[in-house]
């Protein structure tokens, strides 16, 4: 069977479709809409937490004598409802603020509208499509650990994604009890990122997490990182009733085993929330343009445009400002390698398309 490629829409066509969706939305009856928060995603269905209640609460119908009591679910603030979405809505993700309607007779609801997003974290999926991961995030916690071995190139990809989404990043080196003194290369790695201006913290899941809890207070936080670094274990320690599944490191591969299968939002404190996402061993950025990659490497971006040649590749040219900065210790050699690898990936992807 031949592969059917989805036709790409022009910007004008996309604007026309968005306008049609907006017009349809304005024509819907929204008098019974409630405020809600998407707390988990299950394909076509989502779980929505009620943030408001109707002015006129639906009245539970009386059960006639001799008949079994009918199902009824009261609409309370904080109650969670399995919901479908109206077909005219864009793809919803965990963290979205929505308007929705509840049916106490079935315990189900329908999402009718989505509020504008303050931020959106995305990543390409295995089919080379850009997939939203979570919305309205105010902080991204990048968790690494001594085991599985940290992958600097993956950390760089996360930081580029954070910069693209305009979301601050916090690097957390978890399982710090496994470090082998101050000379441990894993500790030196995160110290290099701190020298670049990135926020950094050491943690131990069964240790004192007071500092981390204070940092996360009043934030909507997405936890990302390789499988097995302890994201879910950290969340369980911060919010004991979160009951996130955990697993052990694979003896054969020394990689983490995936335990989180869907992105879930967990309330934390009075106004905060934690989002646990499935472990990501690779984080493609082919959908970004080259300028956004530059912005994701701020210490390199400072030298962009200062080379002798406009089309400098920063690999072999003698009068390259970036390579000179590497020689002077102003840019880490591995960071330049990571930057060039991303540039090559995106250039190749653009040529194929």
C-alpha atoms as a PDB file:
ATOM      1  CA  UNK A   1       0.000   0.000   0.000  1.00  0.00           C
ATOM      2  CA  UNK A   2       1.405   3.382  -0.965  1.00  0.00           C
ATOM      3  CA  UNK A   3       2.167   5.837   1.801  1.00  0.00           C
ATOM      4  CA  UNK A   4      -0.234   8.776   1.675  1.00  0.00           C
ATOM      5  CA  UNK A   5       1.411  11.968   2.867  1.00  0.00           C
ATOM      6  CA  UNK A   6      -0.662  14.585   4.587  1.00  0.00           C
ATOM      7  CA  UNK A   7      -0.963  17.718   2.461  1.00  0.00           C
ATOM      8  CA  UNK A   8       0.763  20.738   3.924  1.00  0.00           C
ATOM      9  CA  UNK A   9      -1.424  23.779   4.446  1.00  0.00           C
ATOM     10  CA  UNK A  10      -0.321  27.282   3.606  1.00  0.00           C
ATOM     11  CA  UNK A  11      -0.401  29.979   6.283  1.00  0.00           C
ATOM     12  CA  UNK A  12      -3.479  31.485   4.607  1.00  0.00           C
ATOM     13  CA  UNK A  13      -5.286  28.126   4.711  1.00  0.00           C
ATOM     14  CA  UNK A  14      -4.335  27.656   8.361  1.00  0.00           C
ATOM     15  CA  UNK A  15      -5.682  31.110   9.255  1.00  0.00           C
ATOM     16  CA  UNK A  16      -8.918  30.352   7.388  1.00  0.00           C
ATOM     17  CA  UNK A  17      -9.384  27.094   9.288  1.00  0.00           C
ATOM     18  CA  UNK A  18      -8.685  28.804  12.613  1.00  0.00           C
ATOM     19  CA  UNK A  19     -11.247  31.481  11.789  1.00  0.00           C
ATOM     20  CA  UNK A  20     -13.820  28.814  10.916  1.00  0.00           C
ATOM     21  CA  UNK A  21     -13.137  27.050  14.233  1.00  0.00           C
ATOM     22  CA  UNK A  22     -13.540  30.347  16.096  1.00  0.00           C
ATOM     23  CA  UNK A  23     -16.832  31.088  14.318  1.00  0.00           C
ATOM     24  CA  UNK A  24     -18.178  27.629  15.144  1.00  0.00           C
ATOM     25  CA  UNK A  25     -17.116  28.056  18.751  1.00  0.00           C
ATOM     26  CA  UNK A  26     -18.948  31.378  19.042  1.00  0.00           C
ATOM     27  CA  UNK A  27     -22.123  29.721  17.749  1.00  0.00           C
ATOM     28  CA  UNK A  28     -22.090  27.064  20.512  1.00  0.00           C
ATOM     29  CA  UNK A  29     -24.240  27.353  23.631  1.00  0.00           C
ATOM     30  CA  UNK A  30     -21.744  27.985  26.420  1.00  0.00           C
ATOM     31  CA  UNK A  31     -24.184  29.030  29.143  1.00  0.00           C
ATOM     32  CA  UNK A  32     -23.521  25.813  31.096  1.00  0.00           C
ATOM     33  CA  UNK A  33     -19.745  25.858  30.680  1.00  0.00           C
ATOM     34  CA  UNK A  34     -17.495  25.283  33.673  1.00  0.00           C
ATOM     35  CA  UNK A  35     -13.826  26.071  34.185  1.00  0.00           C
ATOM     36  CA  UNK A  36     -11.493  23.071  34.165  1.00  0.00           C
ATOM     37  CA  UNK A  37      -7.908  21.869  34.004  1.00  0.00           C
ATOM     38  CA  UNK A  38      -6.706  18.919  31.899  1.00  0.00           C
ATOM     39  CA  UNK A  39      -4.844  16.651  34.333  1.00  0.00           C
ATOM     40  CA  UNK A  40      -4.279  13.557  32.169  1.00  0.00           C
ATOM     41  CA  UNK A  41      -4.532  12.531  28.544  1.00  0.00           C
ATOM     42  CA  UNK A  42      -5.818   9.208  27.203  1.00  0.00           C
ATOM     43  CA  UNK A  43      -5.811   9.520  23.424  1.00  0.00           C
ATOM     44  CA  UNK A  44      -9.242  10.854  22.463  1.00  0.00           C
ATOM     45  CA  UNK A  45     -10.337  11.141  26.068  1.00  0.00           C
ATOM     46  CA  UNK A  46      -8.966  13.346  28.809  1.00  0.00           C
ATOM     47  CA  UNK A  47      -9.384  13.761  32.532  1.00  0.00           C
ATOM     48  CA  UNK A  48     -10.511  17.248  33.546  1.00  0.00           C
ATOM     49  CA  UNK A  49     -10.423  18.614  37.067  1.00  0.00           C
ATOM     50  CA  UNK A  50     -13.340  20.916  37.889  1.00  0.00           C
ATOM     51  CA  UNK A  51     -12.224  24.420  38.860  1.00  0.00           C
ATOM     52  CA  UNK A  52     -15.745  25.834  39.189  1.00  0.00           C
ATOM     53  CA  UNK A  53     -19.313  24.650  39.809  1.00  0.00           C
ATOM     54  CA  UNK A  54     -22.553  25.632  38.037  1.00  0.00           C
ATOM     55  CA  UNK A  55     -24.630  28.447  39.511  1.00  0.00           C
ATOM     56  CA  UNK A  56     -27.658  26.179  39.431  1.00  0.00           C
ATOM     57  CA  UNK A  57     -26.578  22.716  40.509  1.00  0.00           C
ATOM     58  CA  UNK A  58     -28.342  19.904  38.660  1.00  0.00           C
ATOM     59  CA  UNK A  59     -30.807  18.143  40.955  1.00  0.00           C
ATOM     60  CA  UNK A  60     -30.505  14.428  41.376  1.00  0.00           C
ATOM     61  CA  UNK A  61     -33.672  12.735  40.095  1.00  0.00           C
ATOM     62  CA  UNK A  62     -35.728  10.880  42.686  1.00  0.00           C
ATOM     63  CA  UNK A  63     -35.584   7.110  42.600  1.00  0.00           C
ATOM     64  CA  UNK A  64     -38.989   5.486  42.386  1.00  0.00           C
ATOM     65  CA  UNK A  65     -39.940   2.842  44.903  1.00  0.00           C
ATOM     66  CA  UNK A  66     -38.712  -0.610  43.964  1.00  0.00           C
ATOM     67  CA  UNK A  67     -36.207   0.688  41.399  1.00  0.00           C
ATOM     68  CA  UNK A  68     -32.409   0.595  41.848  1.00  0.00           C
ATOM     69  CA  UNK A  69     -30.773   3.903  42.664  1.00  0.00           C
ATOM     70  CA  UNK A  70     -29.587   5.589  39.471  1.00  0.00           C
ATOM     71  CA  UNK A  71     -25.977   6.698  38.953  1.00  0.00           C
ATOM     72  CA  UNK A  72     -25.238  10.286  39.919  1.00  0.00           C
ATOM     73  CA  UNK A  73     -21.967  12.195  40.196  1.00  0.00           C
ATOM     74  CA  UNK A  74     -22.054  15.581  41.945  1.00  0.00           C
ATOM     75  CA  UNK A  75     -20.110  18.464  40.398  1.00  0.00           C
ATOM     76  CA  UNK A  76     -17.622  19.540  43.054  1.00  0.00           C
ATOM     77  CA  UNK A  77     -14.526  21.724  42.789  1.00  0.00           C
ATOM     78  CA  UNK A  78     -11.563  19.371  42.496  1.00  0.00           C
ATOM     79  CA  UNK A  79     -13.580  16.439  41.161  1.00  0.00           C
ATOM     80  CA  UNK A  80     -12.069  14.727  38.109  1.00  0.00           C
ATOM     81  CA  UNK A  81     -14.166  13.840  35.049  1.00  0.00           C
ATOM     82  CA  UNK A  82     -13.454  11.745  31.983  1.00  0.00           C
ATOM     83  CA  UNK A  83     -14.209  14.001  29.001  1.00  0.00           C
ATOM     84  CA  UNK A  84     -14.491  13.969  25.237  1.00  0.00           C
ATOM     85  CA  UNK A  85     -13.707  17.067  23.152  1.00  0.00           C
ATOM     86  CA  UNK A  86     -15.669  18.928  20.516  1.00  0.00           C
ATOM     87  CA  UNK A  87     -14.380  18.060  17.058  1.00  0.00           C
ATOM     88  CA  UNK A  88     -13.542  21.679  16.219  1.00  0.00           C
ATOM     89  CA  UNK A  89     -10.926  21.976  18.965  1.00  0.00           C
ATOM     90  CA  UNK A  90      -7.187  21.646  18.482  1.00  0.00           C
ATOM     91  CA  UNK A  91      -5.277  18.830  20.159  1.00  0.00           C
ATOM     92  CA  UNK A  92      -5.449  19.268  23.924  1.00  0.00           C
ATOM     93  CA  UNK A  93      -2.654  18.361  26.342  1.00  0.00           C
ATOM     94  CA  UNK A  94      -2.080  18.089  30.059  1.00  0.00           C
ATOM     95  CA  UNK A  95      -2.002  21.531  31.644  1.00  0.00           C
ATOM     96  CA  UNK A  96      -4.556  23.111  29.314  1.00  0.00           C
ATOM     97  CA  UNK A  97      -7.185  25.363  30.892  1.00  0.00           C
ATOM     98  CA  UNK A  98     -10.541  24.602  29.313  1.00  0.00           C
ATOM     99  CA  UNK A  99     -14.259  25.223  29.394  1.00  0.00           C
ATOM    100  CA  UNK A 100     -16.363  22.093  29.696  1.00  0.00           C
ATOM    101  CA  UNK A 101     -19.813  20.736  30.471  1.00  0.00           C
ATOM    102  CA  UNK A 102     -20.636  17.912  32.888  1.00  0.00           C
ATOM    103  CA  UNK A 103     -23.356  15.261  32.816  1.00  0.00           C
ATOM    104  CA  UNK A 104     -23.955  14.013  36.394  1.00  0.00           C
ATOM    105  CA  UNK A 105     -26.157  11.202  35.042  1.00  0.00           C
ATOM    106  CA  UNK A 106     -23.187   9.530  33.324  1.00  0.00           C
ATOM    107  CA  UNK A 107     -20.197  10.973  35.153  1.00  0.00           C
ATOM    108  CA  UNK A 108     -18.815  12.134  31.788  1.00  0.00           C
ATOM    109  CA  UNK A 109     -18.155  15.555  30.315  1.00  0.00           C
ATOM    110  CA  UNK A 110     -17.376  17.345  27.076  1.00  0.00           C
ATOM    111  CA  UNK A 111     -14.728  20.024  26.524  1.00  0.00           C
ATOM    112  CA  UNK A 112     -16.148  22.955  24.569  1.00  0.00           C
ATOM    113  CA  UNK A 113     -13.304  25.501  24.462  1.00  0.00           C
ATOM    114  CA  UNK A 114      -9.647  26.012  25.336  1.00  0.00           C
ATOM    115  CA  UNK A 115      -8.154  29.094  26.963  1.00  0.00           C
ATOM    116  CA  UNK A 116      -5.093  30.723  25.346  1.00  0.00           C
ATOM    117  CA  UNK A 117      -1.879  28.991  26.400  1.00  0.00           C
ATOM    118  CA  UNK A 118       0.874  30.841  28.240  1.00  0.00           C
ATOM    119  CA  UNK A 119       3.431  28.279  27.063  1.00  0.00           C
ATOM    120  CA  UNK A 120       3.594  24.975  25.185  1.00  0.00           C
ATOM    121  CA  UNK A 121       6.278  22.292  25.333  1.00  0.00           C
ATOM    122  CA  UNK A 122       6.508  20.248  22.116  1.00  0.00           C
ATOM    123  CA  UNK A 123       8.696  17.515  20.626  1.00  0.00           C
ATOM    124  CA  UNK A 124       8.759  15.608  17.336  1.00  0.00           C
ATOM    125  CA  UNK A 125       7.305  12.101  17.463  1.00  0.00           C
ATOM    126  CA  UNK A 126       8.496   8.975  15.640  1.00  0.00           C
ATOM    127  CA  UNK A 127       6.401   9.954  12.608  1.00  0.00           C
ATOM    128  CA  UNK A 128       8.241  13.285  12.230  1.00  0.00           C
ATOM    129  CA  UNK A 129       5.271  15.317  13.396  1.00  0.00           C
ATOM    130  CA  UNK A 130       5.461  17.959  16.109  1.00  0.00           C
ATOM    131  CA  UNK A 131       3.669  16.638  19.187  1.00  0.00           C
ATOM    132  CA  UNK A 132       2.581  18.875  22.084  1.00  0.00           C
ATOM    133  CA  UNK A 133       3.619  17.483  25.465  1.00  0.00           C
ATOM    134  CA  UNK A 134       2.219  19.883  28.082  1.00  0.00           C
ATOM    135  CA  UNK A 135       0.808  23.413  28.293  1.00  0.00           C
ATOM    136  CA  UNK A 136       1.003  26.429  30.613  1.00  0.00           C
ATOM    137  CA  UNK A 137       4.292  25.327  32.172  1.00  0.00           C
ATOM    138  CA  UNK A 138       6.267  27.913  34.159  1.00  0.00           C
ATOM    139  CA  UNK A 139       9.345  25.779  34.909  1.00  0.00           C
ATOM    140  CA  UNK A 140      10.999  22.722  33.322  1.00  0.00           C
ATOM    141  CA  UNK A 141      13.014  20.463  35.626  1.00  0.00           C
ATOM    142  CA  UNK A 142      15.642  18.487  33.699  1.00  0.00           C
ATOM    143  CA  UNK A 143      16.488  15.493  35.861  1.00  0.00           C
ATOM    144  CA  UNK A 144      19.761  13.612  35.396  1.00  0.00           C
ATOM    145  CA  UNK A 145      21.515  11.061  37.605  1.00  0.00           C
ATOM    146  CA  UNK A 146      24.850   9.226  37.907  1.00  0.00           C
ATOM    147  CA  UNK A 147      23.002   6.156  36.597  1.00  0.00           C
ATOM    148  CA  UNK A 148      21.933   5.990  33.834  1.00  0.00           C
ATOM    149  CA  UNK A 149      24.998   7.909  32.676  1.00  0.00           C
ATOM    150  CA  UNK A 150      24.104  11.535  31.815  1.00  0.00           C
ATOM    151  CA  UNK A 151      24.025  12.362  28.106  1.00  0.00           C
ATOM    152  CA  UNK A 152      25.290  15.943  27.611  1.00  0.00           C
ATOM    153  CA  UNK A 153      23.883  16.102  24.072  1.00  0.00           C
ATOM    154  CA  UNK A 154      20.416  15.232  25.413  1.00  0.00           C
ATOM    155  CA  UNK A 155      20.717  17.898  28.104  1.00  0.00           C
ATOM    156  CA  UNK A 156      21.639  20.412  25.391  1.00  0.00           C
ATOM    157  CA  UNK A 157      18.550  19.402  23.403  1.00  0.00           C
ATOM    158  CA  UNK A 158      16.319  19.931  26.438  1.00  0.00           C
ATOM    159  CA  UNK A 159      17.831  23.362  27.023  1.00  0.00           C
ATOM    160  CA  UNK A 160      17.253  24.341  23.387  1.00  0.00           C
ATOM    161  CA  UNK A 161      13.623  23.182  23.727  1.00  0.00           C
ATOM    162  CA  UNK A 162      13.256  25.255  26.916  1.00  0.00           C
ATOM    163  CA  UNK A 163      14.641  28.325  25.170  1.00  0.00           C
ATOM    164  CA  UNK A 164      12.338  27.790  22.190  1.00  0.00           C
ATOM    165  CA  UNK A 165       9.299  27.510  24.495  1.00  0.00           C
ATOM    166  CA  UNK A 166      10.532  30.469  26.600  1.00  0.00           C
ATOM    167  CA  UNK A 167      10.282  28.368  29.766  1.00  0.00           C
ATOM    168  CA  UNK A 168      12.998  28.596  32.468  1.00  0.00           C
ATOM    169  CA  UNK A 169      14.966  25.413  33.159  1.00  0.00           C
ATOM    170  CA  UNK A 170      16.224  23.884  36.404  1.00  0.00           C
ATOM    171  CA  UNK A 171      18.901  21.184  36.188  1.00  0.00           C
ATOM    172  CA  UNK A 172      18.567  18.587  38.951  1.00  0.00           C
ATOM    173  CA  UNK A 173      21.294  15.999  39.576  1.00  0.00           C
ATOM    174  CA  UNK A 174      19.328  13.306  41.406  1.00  0.00           C
ATOM    175  CA  UNK A 175      20.707  10.260  43.266  1.00  0.00           C
ATOM    176  CA  UNK A 176      23.617  12.424  44.421  1.00  0.00           C
ATOM    177  CA  UNK A 177      24.468   9.751  47.007  1.00  0.00           C
ATOM    178  CA  UNK A 178      25.915   7.756  44.081  1.00  0.00           C
ATOM    179  CA  UNK A 179      28.482  10.455  43.280  1.00  0.00           C
ATOM    180  CA  UNK A 180      32.106   9.613  43.975  1.00  0.00           C
ATOM    181  CA  UNK A 181      33.367  12.783  45.601  1.00  0.00           C
ATOM    182  CA  UNK A 182      33.912  16.310  44.329  1.00  0.00           C
ATOM    183  CA  UNK A 183      35.983  15.085  41.380  1.00  0.00           C
ATOM    184  CA  UNK A 184      33.115  13.017  39.963  1.00  0.00           C
ATOM    185  CA  UNK A 185      32.751  13.802  36.249  1.00  0.00           C
ATOM    186  CA  UNK A 186      28.945  13.901  36.594  1.00  0.00           C
ATOM    187  CA  UNK A 187      29.215  16.672  39.157  1.00  0.00           C
ATOM    188  CA  UNK A 188      31.702  18.554  36.989  1.00  0.00           C
ATOM    189  CA  UNK A 189      29.230  18.280  34.098  1.00  0.00           C
ATOM    190  CA  UNK A 190      26.437  20.110  35.924  1.00  0.00           C
ATOM    191  CA  UNK A 191      28.916  22.641  37.284  1.00  0.00           C
ATOM    192  CA  UNK A 192      29.720  23.493  33.658  1.00  0.00           C
ATOM    193  CA  UNK A 193      26.048  24.231  33.038  1.00  0.00           C
ATOM    194  CA  UNK A 194      25.866  26.346  36.186  1.00  0.00           C
ATOM    195  CA  UNK A 195      28.833  28.354  34.879  1.00  0.00           C
ATOM    196  CA  UNK A 196      26.756  29.019  31.741  1.00  0.00           C
ATOM    197  CA  UNK A 197      24.018  30.555  33.901  1.00  0.00           C
ATOM    198  CA  UNK A 198      21.645  27.614  34.268  1.00  0.00           C
ATOM    199  CA  UNK A 199      20.035  26.972  37.646  1.00  0.00           C
ATOM    200  CA  UNK A 200      21.251  23.766  39.270  1.00  0.00           C
ATOM    201  CA  UNK A 201      20.376  21.658  42.318  1.00  0.00           C
ATOM    202  CA  UNK A 202      21.548  18.376  43.904  1.00  0.00           C
ATOM    203  CA  UNK A 203      18.866  16.009  45.217  1.00  0.00           C
ATOM    204  CA  UNK A 204      18.392  12.579  46.699  1.00  0.00           C
ATOM    205  CA  UNK A 205      14.916  11.039  46.563  1.00  0.00           C
ATOM    206  CA  UNK A 206      15.118   9.698  50.117  1.00  0.00           C
ATOM    207  CA  UNK A 207      16.929  12.792  51.409  1.00  0.00           C
ATOM    208  CA  UNK A 208      15.901  16.315  52.416  1.00  0.00           C
ATOM    209  CA  UNK A 209      13.959  17.886  49.542  1.00  0.00           C
ATOM    210  CA  UNK A 210      13.037  21.123  51.333  1.00  0.00           C
ATOM    211  CA  UNK A 211      15.060  23.323  48.963  1.00  0.00           C
ATOM    212  CA  UNK A 212      13.517  21.706  45.880  1.00  0.00           C
ATOM    213  CA  UNK A 213       9.983  21.982  47.291  1.00  0.00           C
ATOM    214  CA  UNK A 214      10.493  25.677  47.996  1.00  0.00           C
ATOM    215  CA  UNK A 215      11.755  26.246  44.448  1.00  0.00           C
ATOM    216  CA  UNK A 216       8.743  24.477  42.931  1.00  0.00           C
ATOM    217  CA  UNK A 217       6.146  26.242  45.087  1.00  0.00           C
ATOM    218  CA  UNK A 218       3.517  28.115  43.025  1.00  0.00           C
ATOM    219  CA  UNK A 219       5.009  26.815  39.761  1.00  0.00           C
ATOM    220  CA  UNK A 220       3.528  24.521  37.121  1.00  0.00           C
ATOM    221  CA  UNK A 221       6.481  22.217  36.608  1.00  0.00           C
ATOM    222  CA  UNK A 222       7.260  19.668  33.891  1.00  0.00           C
ATOM    223  CA  UNK A 223       9.728  16.928  34.791  1.00  0.00           C
ATOM    224  CA  UNK A 224      11.765  15.650  31.835  1.00  0.00           C
ATOM    225  CA  UNK A 225      14.774  13.404  31.505  1.00  0.00           C
ATOM    226  CA  UNK A 226      15.975   9.934  30.600  1.00  0.00           C
ATOM    227  CA  UNK A 227      14.061   6.964  31.938  1.00  0.00           C
ATOM    228  CA  UNK A 228      15.456   5.734  35.212  1.00  0.00           C
ATOM    229  CA  UNK A 229      16.829   9.041  36.526  1.00  0.00           C
ATOM    230  CA  UNK A 230      14.164   9.127  39.241  1.00  0.00           C
ATOM    231  CA  UNK A 231      11.581  11.637  38.011  1.00  0.00           C
ATOM    232  CA  UNK A 232       8.606   9.676  39.329  1.00  0.00           C
ATOM    233  CA  UNK A 233      10.426   8.803  42.564  1.00  0.00           C
ATOM    234  CA  UNK A 234      11.120  12.505  43.153  1.00  0.00           C
ATOM    235  CA  UNK A 235       7.481  13.356  42.524  1.00  0.00           C
ATOM    236  CA  UNK A 236       6.366  10.640  44.953  1.00  0.00           C
ATOM    237  CA  UNK A 237       8.708  12.113  47.568  1.00  0.00           C
ATOM    238  CA  UNK A 238       7.414  15.661  46.992  1.00  0.00           C
ATOM    239  CA  UNK A 239       3.741  14.641  46.812  1.00  0.00           C
ATOM    240  CA  UNK A 240       3.406  11.344  48.727  1.00  0.00           C
ATOM    241  CA  UNK A 241      -0.109  10.607  47.463  1.00  0.00           C
ATOM    242  CA  UNK A 242       0.947  10.994  43.808  1.00  0.00           C
ATOM    243  CA  UNK A 243       1.504   7.199  43.598  1.00  0.00           C
ATOM    244  CA  UNK A 244       3.586   7.443  40.420  1.00  0.00           C
ATOM    245  CA  UNK A 245       4.919   4.084  39.216  1.00  0.00           C
ATOM    246  CA  UNK A 246       8.669   3.532  39.508  1.00  0.00           C
ATOM    247  CA  UNK A 247      11.066   0.905  38.215  1.00  0.00           C
ATOM    248  CA  UNK A 248      14.700  -0.161  38.397  1.00  0.00           C
ATOM    249  CA  UNK A 249      17.577   0.323  35.986  1.00  0.00           C
ATOM    250  CA  UNK A 250      17.955  -2.395  33.367  1.00  0.00           C
ATOM    251  CA  UNK A 251      21.031  -4.537  34.135  1.00  0.00           C
ATOM    252  CA  UNK A 252      21.558  -5.298  30.451  1.00  0.00           C
ATOM    253  CA  UNK A 253      21.429  -1.803  28.972  1.00  0.00           C
ATOM    254  CA  UNK A 254      22.129   0.417  32.006  1.00  0.00           C
ATOM    255  CA  UNK A 255      19.176   2.475  30.759  1.00  0.00           C
ATOM    256  CA  UNK A 256      15.995   3.258  32.579  1.00  0.00           C
ATOM    257  CA  UNK A 257      12.840   1.280  31.947  1.00  0.00           C
ATOM    258  CA  UNK A 258       9.780   3.309  30.965  1.00  0.00           C
ATOM    259  CA  UNK A 259       7.185   3.360  33.744  1.00  0.00           C
ATOM    260  CA  UNK A 260       5.256   6.572  33.036  1.00  0.00           C
ATOM    261  CA  UNK A 261       3.027   5.988  30.009  1.00  0.00           C
ATOM    262  CA  UNK A 262       0.979   9.187  29.882  1.00  0.00           C
ATOM    263  CA  UNK A 263       1.564  12.790  30.896  1.00  0.00           C
ATOM    264  CA  UNK A 264      -0.114  13.446  34.243  1.00  0.00           C
ATOM    265  CA  UNK A 265      -0.630  16.655  36.258  1.00  0.00           C
ATOM    266  CA  UNK A 266      -0.447  16.390  40.036  1.00  0.00           C
ATOM    267  CA  UNK A 267      -1.503  19.220  42.334  1.00  0.00           C
ATOM    268  CA  UNK A 268       1.237  20.537  44.623  1.00  0.00           C
ATOM    269  CA  UNK A 269       0.703  23.057  47.418  1.00  0.00           C
ATOM    270  CA  UNK A 270      -1.971  25.703  47.039  1.00  0.00           C
ATOM    271  CA  UNK A 271      -1.288  26.913  43.494  1.00  0.00           C
ATOM    272  CA  UNK A 272       1.410  24.639  42.112  1.00  0.00           C
ATOM    273  CA  UNK A 273       1.375  21.498  39.973  1.00  0.00           C
ATOM    274  CA  UNK A 274       3.847  18.838  38.880  1.00  0.00           C
ATOM    275  CA  UNK A 275       3.728  17.195  35.456  1.00  0.00           C
ATOM    276  CA  UNK A 276       5.349  13.803  34.957  1.00  0.00           C
ATOM    277  CA  UNK A 277       5.990  12.916  31.310  1.00  0.00           C
ATOM    278  CA  UNK A 278       7.111   9.640  29.712  1.00  0.00           C
ATOM    279  CA  UNK A 279      10.894   9.254  29.686  1.00  0.00           C
ATOM    280  CA  UNK A 280      12.551  10.527  26.532  1.00  0.00           C
ATOM    281  CA  UNK A 281      15.886   9.028  25.520  1.00  0.00           C
ATOM    282  CA  UNK A 282      16.141  11.115  22.361  1.00  0.00           C
ATOM    283  CA  UNK A 283      14.772  14.592  21.793  1.00  0.00           C
ATOM    284  CA  UNK A 284      14.678  15.632  18.150  1.00  0.00           C
ATOM    285  CA  UNK A 285      14.693  19.307  17.257  1.00  0.00           C
ATOM    286  CA  UNK A 286      14.549  19.046  13.474  1.00  0.00           C
ATOM    287  CA  UNK A 287      11.375  21.170  13.408  1.00  0.00           C
ATOM    288  CA  UNK A 288      13.240  24.254  14.653  1.00  0.00           C
ATOM    289  CA  UNK A 289      15.003  26.728  12.399  1.00  0.00           C
ATOM    290  CA  UNK A 290      18.719  27.444  12.711  1.00  0.00           C
ATOM    291  CA  UNK A 291      18.196  30.769  14.504  1.00  0.00           C
ATOM    292  CA  UNK A 292      16.398  28.982  17.344  1.00  0.00           C
ATOM    293  CA  UNK A 293      19.302  26.572  17.710  1.00  0.00           C
ATOM    294  CA  UNK A 294      21.617  29.583  17.996  1.00  0.00           C
ATOM    295  CA  UNK A 295      19.441  30.996  20.792  1.00  0.00           C
ATOM    296  CA  UNK A 296      19.625  27.672  22.626  1.00  0.00           C
ATOM    297  CA  UNK A 297      23.419  28.011  22.894  1.00  0.00           C
ATOM    298  CA  UNK A 298      23.756  31.563  24.319  1.00  0.00           C
ATOM    299  CA  UNK A 299      27.536  31.400  24.763  1.00  0.00           C
ATOM    300  CA  UNK A 300      27.868  30.490  21.063  1.00  0.00           C
ATOM    301  CA  UNK A 301      25.222  32.965  19.906  1.00  0.00           C
ATOM    302  CA  UNK A 302      27.401  35.806  21.238  1.00  0.00           C
ATOM    303  CA  UNK A 303      29.983  35.004  18.517  1.00  0.00           C
ATOM    304  CA  UNK A 304      27.606  34.333  15.620  1.00  0.00           C
ATOM    305  CA  UNK A 305      28.313  36.824  12.807  1.00  0.00           C
ATOM    306  CA  UNK A 306      31.830  37.635  13.980  1.00  0.00           C
ATOM    307  CA  UNK A 307      33.637  35.086  11.814  1.00  0.00           C
ATOM    308  CA  UNK A 308      35.629  36.250   8.769  1.00  0.00           C
ATOM    309  CA  UNK A 309      33.328  34.427   6.362  1.00  0.00           C
ATOM    310  CA  UNK A 310      29.565  34.855   6.329  1.00  0.00           C
ATOM    311  CA  UNK A 311      29.035  31.170   5.505  1.00  0.00           C
ATOM    312  CA  UNK A 312      31.523  29.949   8.112  1.00  0.00           C
ATOM    313  CA  UNK A 313      30.795  26.362   9.159  1.00  0.00           C
ATOM    314  CA  UNK A 314      32.777  26.700  12.420  1.00  0.00           C
ATOM    315  CA  UNK A 315      34.611  23.461  11.648  1.00  0.00           C
ATOM    316  CA  UNK A 316      37.813  24.090   9.666  1.00  0.00           C
ATOM    317  CA  UNK A 317      37.993  27.810   8.846  1.00  0.00           C
ATOM    318  CA  UNK A 318      41.057  29.601  10.234  1.00  0.00           C
ATOM    319  CA  UNK A 319      39.370  32.914  10.986  1.00  0.00           C
ATOM    320  CA  UNK A 320      36.423  31.461  12.913  1.00  0.00           C
ATOM    321  CA  UNK A 321      35.417  33.514  15.959  1.00  0.00           C
ATOM    322  CA  UNK A 322      33.671  30.546  17.572  1.00  0.00           C
ATOM    323  CA  UNK A 323      36.619  28.162  17.222  1.00  0.00           C
ATOM    324  CA  UNK A 324      38.898  30.875  18.547  1.00  0.00           C
ATOM    325  CA  UNK A 325      36.586  31.237  21.569  1.00  0.00           C
ATOM    326  CA  UNK A 326      36.884  27.478  22.125  1.00  0.00           C
ATOM    327  CA  UNK A 327      40.681  27.737  22.026  1.00  0.00           C
ATOM    328  CA  UNK A 328      40.517  30.556  24.588  1.00  0.00           C
ATOM    329  CA  UNK A 329      38.295  28.480  26.912  1.00  0.00           C
ATOM    330  CA  UNK A 330      35.265  30.753  26.476  1.00  0.00           C
ATOM    331  CA  UNK A 331      33.196  28.000  24.832  1.00  0.00           C
ATOM    332  CA  UNK A 332      33.316  24.318  25.780  1.00  0.00           C
ATOM    333  CA  UNK A 333      34.505  22.103  22.946  1.00  0.00           C
ATOM    334  CA  UNK A 334      31.736  19.547  23.622  1.00  0.00           C
ATOM    335  CA  UNK A 335      29.100  22.285  23.492  1.00  0.00           C
ATOM    336  CA  UNK A 336      30.336  23.341  20.056  1.00  0.00           C
ATOM    337  CA  UNK A 337      30.231  19.695  18.936  1.00  0.00           C
ATOM    338  CA  UNK A 338      26.656  19.416  20.205  1.00  0.00           C
ATOM    339  CA  UNK A 339      25.686  22.650  18.454  1.00  0.00           C
ATOM    340  CA  UNK A 340      27.207  21.560  15.133  1.00  0.00           C
ATOM    341  CA  UNK A 341      25.504  18.165  15.375  1.00  0.00           C
ATOM    342  CA  UNK A 342      22.109  19.845  15.787  1.00  0.00           C
ATOM    343  CA  UNK A 343      22.793  22.234  12.913  1.00  0.00           C
ATOM    344  CA  UNK A 344      23.706  19.271  10.677  1.00  0.00           C
ATOM    345  CA  UNK A 345      20.545  17.362  11.674  1.00  0.00           C
ATOM    346  CA  UNK A 346      18.272  20.301  10.917  1.00  0.00           C
ATOM    347  CA  UNK A 347      20.016  21.152   7.640  1.00  0.00           C
ATOM    348  CA  UNK A 348      19.646  17.534   6.510  1.00  0.00           C
ATOM    349  CA  UNK A 349      15.970  17.456   7.515  1.00  0.00           C
ATOM    350  CA  UNK A 350      15.279  20.701   5.633  1.00  0.00           C
ATOM    351  CA  UNK A 351      16.967  19.363   2.501  1.00  0.00           C
ATOM    352  CA  UNK A 352      14.800  16.232   2.596  1.00  0.00           C
ATOM    353  CA  UNK A 353      11.654  18.312   2.862  1.00  0.00           C
END
